[in-house]
Amino acid sequence: MSDDAIVVMCAAASREEAAVIAQALVEGRLAACVQMMPIESWYRWNGAVQHEPEVMLHIKTLRSRFAPLCEAIEALHSYDVPEIVAVPITDASPRYLAWLRDETRP
């Protein structure tokens, strides 16, 4: 339905860090909405398998806001290499997409 609406996924080290990132993105109009969910992650880092609790952020935004959104996340994030992965929203209600566009307008 829309080739410019995306969901960005970003895992944060703690609820506090996730909240700081979420608030900055929404206040800065880089995201229309950010949802936070506790998760467990297994990953390889520095040659060893790690297992840690994290907080997953689902960030609703536009592709045109992706670059400044990445910069903001990297400035606020504690990880050396934060996960910042975008997936397209291929279908959504027209009213939702209109809201998303309005809330991310610079």
PDB file of N, CA and C in Angstrom:
ATOM      1  N   MET A   1       0.822  -1.193   0.000  1.00  0.00           N
ATOM      2  CA  MET A   1       0.000   0.000   0.000  1.00  0.00           C
ATOM      3  C   MET A   1       0.865   1.254   0.000  1.00  0.00           C
ATOM      4  N   SER A   2       1.930   1.216   0.783  1.00  0.00           N
ATOM      5  CA  SER A   2       2.793   2.386   0.862  1.00  0.00           C
ATOM      6  C   SER A   2       4.241   1.941   0.837  1.00  0.00           C
ATOM      7  N   ASP A   3       5.030   2.534  -0.047  1.00  0.00           N
ATOM      8  CA  ASP A   3       6.429   2.135  -0.110  1.00  0.00           C
ATOM      9  C   ASP A   3       7.302   3.000   0.782  1.00  0.00           C
ATOM     10  N   ASP A   4       6.728   3.952   1.506  1.00  0.00           N
ATOM     11  CA  ASP A   4       7.568   4.798   2.342  1.00  0.00           C
ATOM     12  C   ASP A   4       7.379   4.557   3.836  1.00  0.00           C
ATOM     13  N   ALA A   5       6.365   3.827   4.248  1.00  0.00           N
ATOM     14  CA  ALA A   5       6.154   3.526   5.662  1.00  0.00           C
ATOM     15  C   ALA A   5       6.991   2.309   6.036  1.00  0.00           C
ATOM     16  N   ILE A   6       7.696   2.398   7.173  1.00  0.00           N
ATOM     17  CA  ILE A   6       8.550   1.303   7.633  1.00  0.00           C
ATOM     18  C   ILE A   6       8.387   1.092   9.132  1.00  0.00           C
ATOM     19  N   VAL A   7       8.768  -0.102   9.570  1.00  0.00           N
ATOM     20  CA  VAL A   7       8.925  -0.403  10.992  1.00  0.00           C
ATOM     21  C   VAL A   7      10.404  -0.677  11.193  1.00  0.00           C
ATOM     22  N   VAL A   8      10.999   0.023  12.139  1.00  0.00           N
ATOM     23  CA  VAL A   8      12.409  -0.165  12.468  1.00  0.00           C
ATOM     24  C   VAL A   8      12.475  -0.933  13.776  1.00  0.00           C
ATOM     25  N   MET A   9      13.288  -1.970  13.799  1.00  0.00           N
ATOM     26  CA  MET A   9      13.488  -2.761  15.013  1.00  0.00           C
ATOM     27  C   MET A   9      14.848  -2.415  15.602  1.00  0.00           C
ATOM     28  N   CYS A  10      14.856  -2.227  16.909  1.00  0.00           N
ATOM     29  CA  CYS A  10      16.088  -1.880  17.612  1.00  0.00           C
ATOM     30  C   CYS A  10      16.022  -2.481  19.013  1.00  0.00           C
ATOM     31  N   ALA A  11      17.007  -3.291  19.367  1.00  0.00           N
ATOM     32  CA  ALA A  11      17.067  -3.872  20.705  1.00  0.00           C
ATOM     33  C   ALA A  11      17.928  -2.984  21.594  1.00  0.00           C
ATOM     34  N   ALA A  12      17.425  -2.683  22.784  1.00  0.00           N
ATOM     35  CA  ALA A  12      18.141  -1.851  23.758  1.00  0.00           C
ATOM     36  C   ALA A  12      18.525  -2.702  24.965  1.00  0.00           C
ATOM     37  N   ALA A  13      19.525  -2.250  25.690  1.00  0.00           N
ATOM     38  CA  ALA A  13      20.056  -3.005  26.823  1.00  0.00           C
ATOM     39  C   ALA A  13      19.135  -3.013  28.042  1.00  0.00           C
ATOM     40  N   SER A  14      18.284  -1.989  28.176  1.00  0.00           N
ATOM     41  CA  SER A  14      17.437  -1.894  29.363  1.00  0.00           C
ATOM     42  C   SER A  14      16.167  -1.111  29.033  1.00  0.00           C
ATOM     43  N   ARG A  15      15.200  -1.222  29.919  1.00  0.00           N
ATOM     44  CA  ARG A  15      13.950  -0.454  29.756  1.00  0.00           C
ATOM     45  C   ARG A  15      14.242   1.040  29.806  1.00  0.00           C
ATOM     46  N   GLU A  16      15.162   1.429  30.669  1.00  0.00           N
ATOM     47  CA  GLU A  16      15.504   2.855  30.799  1.00  0.00           C
ATOM     48  C   GLU A  16      16.114   3.388  29.500  1.00  0.00           C
ATOM     49  N   GLU A  17      17.054   2.647  28.937  1.00  0.00           N
ATOM     50  CA  GLU A  17      17.668   3.075  27.681  1.00  0.00           C
ATOM     51  C   GLU A  17      16.623   3.112  26.558  1.00  0.00           C
ATOM     52  N   ALA A  18      15.776   2.097  26.492  1.00  0.00           N
ATOM     53  CA  ALA A  18      14.725   2.052  25.473  1.00  0.00           C
ATOM     54  C   ALA A  18      13.789   3.249  25.598  1.00  0.00           C
ATOM     55  N   ALA A  19      13.430   3.605  26.825  1.00  0.00           N
ATOM     56  CA  ALA A  19      12.526   4.744  27.043  1.00  0.00           C
ATOM     57  C   ALA A  19      13.161   6.059  26.601  1.00  0.00           C
ATOM     58  N   VAL A  20      14.441   6.227  26.875  1.00  0.00           N
ATOM     59  CA  VAL A  20      15.148   7.440  26.440  1.00  0.00           C
ATOM     60  C   VAL A  20      15.141   7.539  24.916  1.00  0.00           C
ATOM     61  N   ILE A  21      15.433   6.425  24.258  1.00  0.00           N
ATOM     62  CA  ILE A  21      15.452   6.403  22.798  1.00  0.00           C
ATOM     63  C   ILE A  21      14.050   6.668  22.244  1.00  0.00           C
ATOM     64  N   ALA A  22      13.054   5.975  22.776  1.00  0.00           N
ATOM     65  CA  ALA A  22      11.676   6.131  22.302  1.00  0.00           C
ATOM     66  C   ALA A  22      11.207   7.575  22.434  1.00  0.00           C
ATOM     67  N   GLN A  23      11.426   8.165  23.587  1.00  0.00           N
ATOM     68  CA  GLN A  23      10.981   9.539  23.806  1.00  0.00           C
ATOM     69  C   GLN A  23      11.671  10.506  22.846  1.00  0.00           C
ATOM     70  N   ALA A  24      12.968  10.348  22.658  1.00  0.00           N
ATOM     71  CA  ALA A  24      13.709  11.239  21.762  1.00  0.00           C
ATOM     72  C   ALA A  24      13.201  11.119  20.324  1.00  0.00           C
ATOM     73  N   LEU A  25      12.919   9.898  19.885  1.00  0.00           N
ATOM     74  CA  LEU A  25      12.465   9.699  18.504  1.00  0.00           C
ATOM     75  C   LEU A  25      11.085  10.303  18.267  1.00  0.00           C
ATOM     76  N   VAL A  26      10.178  10.101  19.218  1.00  0.00           N
ATOM     77  CA  VAL A  26       8.825  10.647  19.058  1.00  0.00           C
ATOM     78  C   VAL A  26       8.836  12.165  19.216  1.00  0.00           C
ATOM     79  N   GLU A  27       9.538  12.669  20.227  1.00  0.00           N
ATOM     80  CA  GLU A  27       9.611  14.126  20.408  1.00  0.00           C
ATOM     81  C   GLU A  27      10.262  14.809  19.212  1.00  0.00           C
ATOM     82  N   GLY A  28      11.258  14.166  18.616  1.00  0.00           N
ATOM     83  CA  GLY A  28      11.951  14.734  17.467  1.00  0.00           C
ATOM     84  C   GLY A  28      11.229  14.509  16.143  1.00  0.00           C
ATOM     85  N   ARG A  29      10.046  13.900  16.197  1.00  0.00           N
ATOM     86  CA  ARG A  29       9.231  13.610  15.011  1.00  0.00           C
ATOM     87  C   ARG A  29       9.949  12.681  14.028  1.00  0.00           C
ATOM     88  N   LEU A  30      10.892  11.900  14.549  1.00  0.00           N
ATOM     89  CA  LEU A  30      11.555  10.886  13.735  1.00  0.00           C
ATOM     90  C   LEU A  30      10.736   9.607  13.699  1.00  0.00           C
ATOM     91  N   ALA A  31       9.808   9.465  14.634  1.00  0.00           N
ATOM     92  CA  ALA A  31       8.904   8.317  14.704  1.00  0.00           C
ATOM     93  C   ALA A  31       7.535   8.790  15.120  1.00  0.00           C
ATOM     94  N   ALA A  32       6.517   8.135  14.584  1.00  0.00           N
ATOM     95  CA  ALA A  32       5.145   8.434  15.001  1.00  0.00           C
ATOM     96  C   ALA A  32       4.798   7.663  16.268  1.00  0.00           C
ATOM     97  N   CYS A  33       5.391   6.481  16.419  1.00  0.00           N
ATOM     98  CA  CYS A  33       5.074   5.607  17.547  1.00  0.00           C
ATOM     99  C   CYS A  33       6.257   4.686  17.795  1.00  0.00           C
ATOM    100  N   VAL A  34       6.521   4.402  19.060  1.00  0.00           N
ATOM    101  CA  VAL A  34       7.535   3.411  19.431  1.00  0.00           C
ATOM    102  C   VAL A  34       6.923   2.499  20.483  1.00  0.00           C
ATOM    103  N   GLN A  35       6.975   1.200  20.234  1.00  0.00           N
ATOM    104  CA  GLN A  35       6.501   0.213  21.197  1.00  0.00           C
ATOM    105  C   GLN A  35       7.694  -0.507  21.793  1.00  0.00           C
ATOM    106  N   MET A  36       7.605  -0.809  23.106  1.00  0.00           N
ATOM    107  CA  MET A  36       8.696  -1.471  23.826  1.00  0.00           C
ATOM    108  C   MET A  36       8.207  -2.818  24.347  1.00  0.00           C
ATOM    109  N   MET A  37       9.016  -3.865  24.126  1.00  0.00           N
ATOM    110  CA  MET A  37       8.670  -5.204  24.585  1.00  0.00           C
ATOM    111  C   MET A  37       9.900  -5.884  25.162  1.00  0.00           C
ATOM    112  N   PRO A  38       9.787  -6.509  26.333  1.00  0.00           N
ATOM    113  CA  PRO A  38      10.934  -7.259  26.867  1.00  0.00           C
ATOM    114  C   PRO A  38      11.171  -8.510  26.022  1.00  0.00           C
ATOM    115  N   ILE A  39      12.432  -8.819  25.781  1.00  0.00           N
ATOM    116  CA  ILE A  39      12.813  -9.997  24.998  1.00  0.00           C
ATOM    117  C   ILE A  39      14.050 -10.637  25.625  1.00  0.00           C
ATOM    118  N   GLU A  40      14.399 -11.829  25.170  1.00  0.00           N
ATOM    119  CA  GLU A  40      15.676 -12.467  25.481  1.00  0.00           C
ATOM    120  C   GLU A  40      16.409 -12.648  24.169  1.00  0.00           C
ATOM    121  N   SER A  41      17.679 -12.348  24.157  1.00  0.00           N
ATOM    122  CA  SER A  41      18.467 -12.469  22.933  1.00  0.00           C
ATOM    123  C   SER A  41      19.655 -13.391  23.135  1.00  0.00           C
ATOM    124  N   TRP A  42      19.902 -14.210  22.147  1.00  0.00           N
ATOM    125  CA  TRP A  42      21.114 -15.011  22.042  1.00  0.00           C
ATOM    126  C   TRP A  42      21.837 -14.514  20.804  1.00  0.00           C
ATOM    127  N   TYR A  43      23.108 -14.225  20.951  1.00  0.00           N
ATOM    128  CA  TYR A  43      23.865 -13.681  19.821  1.00  0.00           C
ATOM    129  C   TYR A  43      25.353 -13.944  20.029  1.00  0.00           C
ATOM    130  N   ARG A  44      26.099 -13.847  18.944  1.00  0.00           N
ATOM    131  CA  ARG A  44      27.539 -14.013  19.026  1.00  0.00           C
ATOM    132  C   ARG A  44      28.161 -12.617  19.049  1.00  0.00           C
ATOM    133  N   TRP A  45      29.046 -12.379  20.022  1.00  0.00           N
ATOM    134  CA  TRP A  45      29.744 -11.098  20.137  1.00  0.00           C
ATOM    135  C   TRP A  45      31.158 -11.362  20.625  1.00  0.00           C
ATOM    136  N   ASN A  46      32.132 -10.808  19.938  1.00  0.00           N
ATOM    137  CA  ASN A  46      33.544 -10.986  20.287  1.00  0.00           C
ATOM    138  C   ASN A  46      33.919 -12.458  20.443  1.00  0.00           C
ATOM    139  N   GLY A  47      33.388 -13.293  19.535  1.00  0.00           N
ATOM    140  CA  GLY A  47      33.772 -14.698  19.500  1.00  0.00           C
ATOM    141  C   GLY A  47      33.079 -15.602  20.493  1.00  0.00           C
ATOM    142  N   ALA A  48      32.129 -15.069  21.249  1.00  0.00           N
ATOM    143  CA  ALA A  48      31.440 -15.901  22.240  1.00  0.00           C
ATOM    144  C   ALA A  48      29.933 -15.726  22.107  1.00  0.00           C
ATOM    145  N   VAL A  49      29.204 -16.777  22.433  1.00  0.00           N
ATOM    146  CA  VAL A  49      27.750 -16.714  22.424  1.00  0.00           C
ATOM    147  C   VAL A  49      27.285 -16.020  23.699  1.00  0.00           C
ATOM    148  N   GLN A  50      26.443 -15.044  23.533  1.00  0.00           N
ATOM    149  CA  GLN A  50      25.903 -14.264  24.647  1.00  0.00           C
ATOM    150  C   GLN A  50      24.403 -14.544  24.795  1.00  0.00           C
ATOM    151  N   HIS A  51      23.885 -14.365  25.986  1.00  0.00           N
ATOM    152  CA  HIS A  51      22.453 -14.483  26.264  1.00  0.00           C
ATOM    153  C   HIS A  51      22.098 -13.391  27.252  1.00  0.00           C
ATOM    154  N   GLU A  52      21.241 -12.469  26.828  1.00  0.00           N
ATOM    155  CA  GLU A  52      20.929 -11.303  27.660  1.00  0.00           C
ATOM    156  C   GLU A  52      19.457 -10.929  27.526  1.00  0.00           C
ATOM    157  N   PRO A  53      18.874 -10.392  28.593  1.00  0.00           N
ATOM    158  CA  PRO A  53      17.563  -9.762  28.436  1.00  0.00           C
ATOM    159  C   PRO A  53      17.756  -8.419  27.731  1.00  0.00           C
ATOM    160  N   GLU A  54      16.831  -8.059  26.875  1.00  0.00           N
ATOM    161  CA  GLU A  54      16.862  -6.775  26.185  1.00  0.00           C
ATOM    162  C   GLU A  54      15.435  -6.253  26.076  1.00  0.00           C
ATOM    163  N   VAL A  55      15.309  -5.057  25.534  1.00  0.00           N
ATOM    164  CA  VAL A  55      14.004  -4.465  25.255  1.00  0.00           C
ATOM    165  C   VAL A  55      13.970  -4.155  23.768  1.00  0.00           C
ATOM    166  N   MET A  56      12.994  -4.742  23.068  1.00  0.00           N
ATOM    167  CA  MET A  56      12.853  -4.521  21.631  1.00  0.00           C
ATOM    168  C   MET A  56      11.970  -3.300  21.389  1.00  0.00           C
ATOM    169  N   LEU A  57      12.468  -2.428  20.544  1.00  0.00           N
ATOM    170  CA  LEU A  57      11.692  -1.272  20.107  1.00  0.00           C
ATOM    171  C   LEU A  57      11.167  -1.545  18.710  1.00  0.00           C
ATOM    172  N   HIS A  58       9.881  -1.346  18.511  1.00  0.00           N
ATOM    173  CA  HIS A  58       9.280  -1.337  17.175  1.00  0.00           C
ATOM    174  C   HIS A  58       8.923   0.117  16.892  1.00  0.00           C
ATOM    175  N   ILE A  59       9.600   0.689  15.922  1.00  0.00           N
ATOM    176  CA  ILE A  59       9.537   2.121  15.645  1.00  0.00           C
ATOM    177  C   ILE A  59       8.815   2.326  14.322  1.00  0.00           C
ATOM    178  N   LYS A  60       7.685   3.041  14.345  1.00  0.00           N
ATOM    179  CA  LYS A  60       6.934   3.305  13.117  1.00  0.00           C
ATOM    180  C   LYS A  60       7.342   4.659  12.573  1.00  0.00           C
ATOM    181  N   THR A  61       7.801   4.669  11.315  1.00  0.00           N
ATOM    182  CA  THR A  61       8.310   5.896  10.725  1.00  0.00           C
ATOM    183  C   THR A  61       8.225   5.817   9.204  1.00  0.00           C
ATOM    184  N   LEU A  62       8.864   6.751   8.551  1.00  0.00           N
ATOM    185  CA  LEU A  62       8.936   6.786   7.091  1.00  0.00           C
ATOM    186  C   LEU A  62      10.371   6.547   6.639  1.00  0.00           C
ATOM    187  N   ARG A  63      10.516   5.960   5.477  1.00  0.00           N
ATOM    188  CA  ARG A  63      11.853   5.703   4.927  1.00  0.00           C
ATOM    189  C   ARG A  63      12.662   7.003   4.855  1.00  0.00           C
ATOM    190  N   SER A  64      12.013   8.115   4.549  1.00  0.00           N
ATOM    191  CA  SER A  64      12.724   9.404   4.450  1.00  0.00           C
ATOM    192  C   SER A  64      13.289   9.868   5.791  1.00  0.00           C
ATOM    193  N   ARG A  65      12.816   9.309   6.902  1.00  0.00           N
ATOM    194  CA  ARG A  65      13.293   9.683   8.236  1.00  0.00           C
ATOM    195  C   ARG A  65      14.331   8.687   8.767  1.00  0.00           C
ATOM    196  N   PHE A  66      14.639   7.636   7.974  1.00  0.00           N
ATOM    197  CA  PHE A  66      15.511   6.562   8.454  1.00  0.00           C
ATOM    198  C   PHE A  66      16.917   7.052   8.804  1.00  0.00           C
ATOM    199  N   ALA A  67      17.552   7.823   7.944  1.00  0.00           N
ATOM    200  CA  ALA A  67      18.931   8.260   8.216  1.00  0.00           C
ATOM    201  C   ALA A  67      19.034   9.083   9.498  1.00  0.00           C
ATOM    202  N   PRO A  68      18.194  10.125   9.693  1.00  0.00           N
ATOM    203  CA  PRO A  68      18.300  10.857  10.964  1.00  0.00           C
ATOM    204  C   PRO A  68      17.881  10.019  12.168  1.00  0.00           C
ATOM    205  N   LEU A  69      16.959   9.074  11.969  1.00  0.00           N
ATOM    206  CA  LEU A  69      16.567   8.178  13.048  1.00  0.00           C
ATOM    207  C   LEU A  69      17.764   7.315  13.466  1.00  0.00           C
ATOM    208  N   CYS A  70      18.501   6.781  12.501  1.00  0.00           N
ATOM    209  CA  CYS A  70      19.713   5.996  12.806  1.00  0.00           C
ATOM    210  C   CYS A  70      20.717   6.828  13.594  1.00  0.00           C
ATOM    211  N   GLU A  71      20.940   8.049  13.164  1.00  0.00           N
ATOM    212  CA  GLU A  71      21.884   8.926  13.859  1.00  0.00           C
ATOM    213  C   GLU A  71      21.451   9.151  15.300  1.00  0.00           C
ATOM    214  N   ALA A  72      20.162   9.392  15.512  1.00  0.00           N
ATOM    215  CA  ALA A  72      19.660   9.620  16.872  1.00  0.00           C
ATOM    216  C   ALA A  72      19.831   8.380  17.735  1.00  0.00           C
ATOM    217  N   ILE A  73      19.491   7.206  17.202  1.00  0.00           N
ATOM    218  CA  ILE A  73      19.646   5.970  17.964  1.00  0.00           C
ATOM    219  C   ILE A  73      21.111   5.749  18.316  1.00  0.00           C
ATOM    220  N   GLU A  74      21.997   5.893  17.343  1.00  0.00           N
ATOM    221  CA  GLU A  74      23.417   5.657  17.603  1.00  0.00           C
ATOM    222  C   GLU A  74      23.981   6.626  18.638  1.00  0.00           C
ATOM    223  N   ALA A  75      23.473   7.853  18.684  1.00  0.00           N
ATOM    224  CA  ALA A  75      23.939   8.835  19.663  1.00  0.00           C
ATOM    225  C   ALA A  75      23.478   8.495  21.082  1.00  0.00           C
ATOM    226  N   LEU A  76      22.332   7.813  21.202  1.00  0.00           N
ATOM    227  CA  LEU A  76      21.749   7.524  22.519  1.00  0.00           C
ATOM    228  C   LEU A  76      21.999   6.103  23.006  1.00  0.00           C
ATOM    229  N   HIS A  77      22.415   5.207  22.128  1.00  0.00           N
ATOM    230  CA  HIS A  77      22.498   3.781  22.427  1.00  0.00           C
ATOM    231  C   HIS A  77      23.816   3.431  23.106  1.00  0.00           C
ATOM    232  N   SER A  78      23.767   2.447  23.983  1.00  0.00           N
ATOM    233  CA  SER A  78      24.978   2.022  24.701  1.00  0.00           C
ATOM    234  C   SER A  78      25.796   0.980  23.940  1.00  0.00           C
ATOM    235  N   TYR A  79      25.219   0.343  22.927  1.00  0.00           N
ATOM    236  CA  TYR A  79      25.937  -0.712  22.199  1.00  0.00           C
ATOM    237  C   TYR A  79      26.908  -0.129  21.187  1.00  0.00           C
ATOM    238  N   ASP A  80      28.010  -0.835  20.962  1.00  0.00           N
ATOM    239  CA  ASP A  80      28.950  -0.458  19.905  1.00  0.00           C
ATOM    240  C   ASP A  80      28.299  -0.566  18.530  1.00  0.00           C
ATOM    241  N   VAL A  81      27.484  -1.601  18.347  1.00  0.00           N
ATOM    242  CA  VAL A  81      26.802  -1.841  17.071  1.00  0.00           C
ATOM    243  C   VAL A  81      25.328  -2.124  17.367  1.00  0.00           C
ATOM    244  N   PRO A  82      24.515  -1.080  17.527  1.00  0.00           N
ATOM    245  CA  PRO A  82      23.100  -1.329  17.809  1.00  0.00           C
ATOM    246  C   PRO A  82      22.376  -1.913  16.598  1.00  0.00           C
ATOM    247  N   GLU A  83      21.417  -2.761  16.878  1.00  0.00           N
ATOM    248  CA  GLU A  83      20.547  -3.300  15.827  1.00  0.00           C
ATOM    249  C   GLU A  83      19.619  -2.180  15.364  1.00  0.00           C
ATOM    250  N   ILE A  84      19.679  -1.844  14.102  1.00  0.00           N
ATOM    251  CA  ILE A  84      18.763  -0.868  13.505  1.00  0.00           C
ATOM    252  C   ILE A  84      18.373  -1.454  12.153  1.00  0.00           C
ATOM    253  N   VAL A  85      17.219  -2.131  12.117  1.00  0.00           N
ATOM    254  CA  VAL A  85      16.780  -2.864  10.948  1.00  0.00           C
ATOM    255  C   VAL A  85      15.395  -2.382  10.548  1.00  0.00           C
ATOM    256  N   ALA A  86      15.234  -2.000   9.292  1.00  0.00           N
ATOM    257  CA  ALA A  86      13.942  -1.516   8.802  1.00  0.00           C
ATOM    258  C   ALA A  86      13.279  -2.555   7.912  1.00  0.00           C
ATOM    259  N   VAL A  87      11.977  -2.696   8.068  1.00  0.00           N
ATOM    260  CA  VAL A  87      11.175  -3.525   7.178  1.00  0.00           C
ATOM    261  C   VAL A  87      10.023  -2.678   6.652  1.00  0.00           C
ATOM    262  N   PRO A  88       9.662  -2.862   5.383  1.00  0.00           N
ATOM    263  CA  PRO A  88       8.597  -2.039   4.814  1.00  0.00           C
ATOM    264  C   PRO A  88       7.229  -2.450   5.341  1.00  0.00           C
ATOM    265  N   ILE A  89       6.361  -1.485   5.462  1.00  0.00           N
ATOM    266  CA  ILE A  89       4.947  -1.746   5.724  1.00  0.00           C
ATOM    267  C   ILE A  89       4.306  -1.844   4.342  1.00  0.00           C
ATOM    268  N   THR A  90       3.909  -3.036   3.960  1.00  0.00           N
ATOM    269  CA  THR A  90       3.381  -3.224   2.613  1.00  0.00           C
ATOM    270  C   THR A  90       1.888  -2.957   2.516  1.00  0.00           C
ATOM    271  N   ASP A  91       1.177  -3.118   3.610  1.00  0.00           N
ATOM    272  CA  ASP A  91      -0.253  -2.824   3.664  1.00  0.00           C
ATOM    273  C   ASP A  91      -0.586  -2.225   5.013  1.00  0.00           C
ATOM    274  N   ALA A  92      -1.420  -1.208   4.993  1.00  0.00           N
ATOM    275  CA  ALA A  92      -1.904  -0.580   6.224  1.00  0.00           C
ATOM    276  C   ALA A  92      -3.139   0.231   5.875  1.00  0.00           C
ATOM    277  N   SER A  93      -3.923   0.530   6.882  1.00  0.00           N
ATOM    278  CA  SER A  93      -5.122   1.323   6.606  1.00  0.00           C
ATOM    279  C   SER A  93      -4.717   2.732   6.168  1.00  0.00           C
ATOM    280  N   PRO A  94      -5.453   3.310   5.251  1.00  0.00           N
ATOM    281  CA  PRO A  94      -5.138   4.671   4.800  1.00  0.00           C
ATOM    282  C   PRO A  94      -5.116   5.685   5.949  1.00  0.00           C
ATOM    283  N   ARG A  95      -6.011   5.524   6.912  1.00  0.00           N
ATOM    284  CA  ARG A  95      -6.039   6.465   8.045  1.00  0.00           C
ATOM    285  C   ARG A  95      -4.783   6.333   8.891  1.00  0.00           C
ATOM    286  N   TYR A  96      -4.309   5.099   9.096  1.00  0.00           N
ATOM    287  CA  TYR A  96      -3.081   4.893   9.862  1.00  0.00           C
ATOM    288  C   TYR A  96      -1.892   5.510   9.141  1.00  0.00           C
ATOM    289  N   LEU A  97      -1.786   5.277   7.841  1.00  0.00           N
ATOM    290  CA  LEU A  97      -0.675   5.843   7.076  1.00  0.00           C
ATOM    291  C   LEU A  97      -0.710   7.366   7.079  1.00  0.00           C
ATOM    292  N   ALA A  98      -1.903   7.947   6.996  1.00  0.00           N
ATOM    293  CA  ALA A  98      -2.021   9.410   7.054  1.00  0.00           C
ATOM    294  C   ALA A  98      -1.538   9.915   8.408  1.00  0.00           C
ATOM    295  N   TRP A  99      -1.919   9.229   9.483  1.00  0.00           N
ATOM    296  CA  TRP A  99      -1.470   9.616  10.826  1.00  0.00           C
ATOM    297  C   TRP A  99       0.049   9.504  10.927  1.00  0.00           C
ATOM    298  N   LEU A 100       0.611   8.396  10.435  1.00  0.00           N
ATOM    299  CA  LEU A 100       2.055   8.185  10.497  1.00  0.00           C
ATOM    300  C   LEU A 100       2.782   9.320   9.769  1.00  0.00           C
ATOM    301  N   ARG A 101       2.311   9.659   8.600  1.00  0.00           N
ATOM    302  CA  ARG A 101       2.946  10.746   7.825  1.00  0.00           C
ATOM    303  C   ARG A 101       2.836  12.089   8.564  1.00  0.00           C
ATOM    304  N   ASP A 102       1.660  12.367   9.117  1.00  0.00           N
ATOM    305  CA  ASP A 102       1.469  13.643   9.845  1.00  0.00           C
ATOM    306  C   ASP A 102       2.393  13.742  11.048  1.00  0.00           C
ATOM    307  N   GLU A 103       2.558  12.645  11.776  1.00  0.00           N
ATOM    308  CA  GLU A 103       3.333  12.678  13.019  1.00  0.00           C
ATOM    309  C   GLU A 103       4.837  12.654  12.801  1.00  0.00           C
ATOM    310  N   THR A 104       5.287  12.366  11.583  1.00  0.00           N
ATOM    311  CA  THR A 104       6.722  12.355  11.306  1.00  0.00           C
ATOM    312  C   THR A 104       7.120  13.503  10.389  1.00  0.00           C
ATOM    313  N   ARG A 105       6.206  14.413  10.172  1.00  0.00           N
ATOM    314  CA  ARG A 105       6.510  15.583   9.334  1.00  0.00           C
ATOM    315  C   ARG A 105       7.482  16.491  10.091  1.00  0.00           C
ATOM    316  N   PRO A 106       8.614  16.823   9.473  1.00  0.00           N
ATOM    317  CA  PRO A 106       9.600  17.689  10.163  1.00  0.00           C
ATOM    318  C   PRO A 106       9.034  19.066  10.508  1.00  0.00           C
TER     319      PRO A 106
END
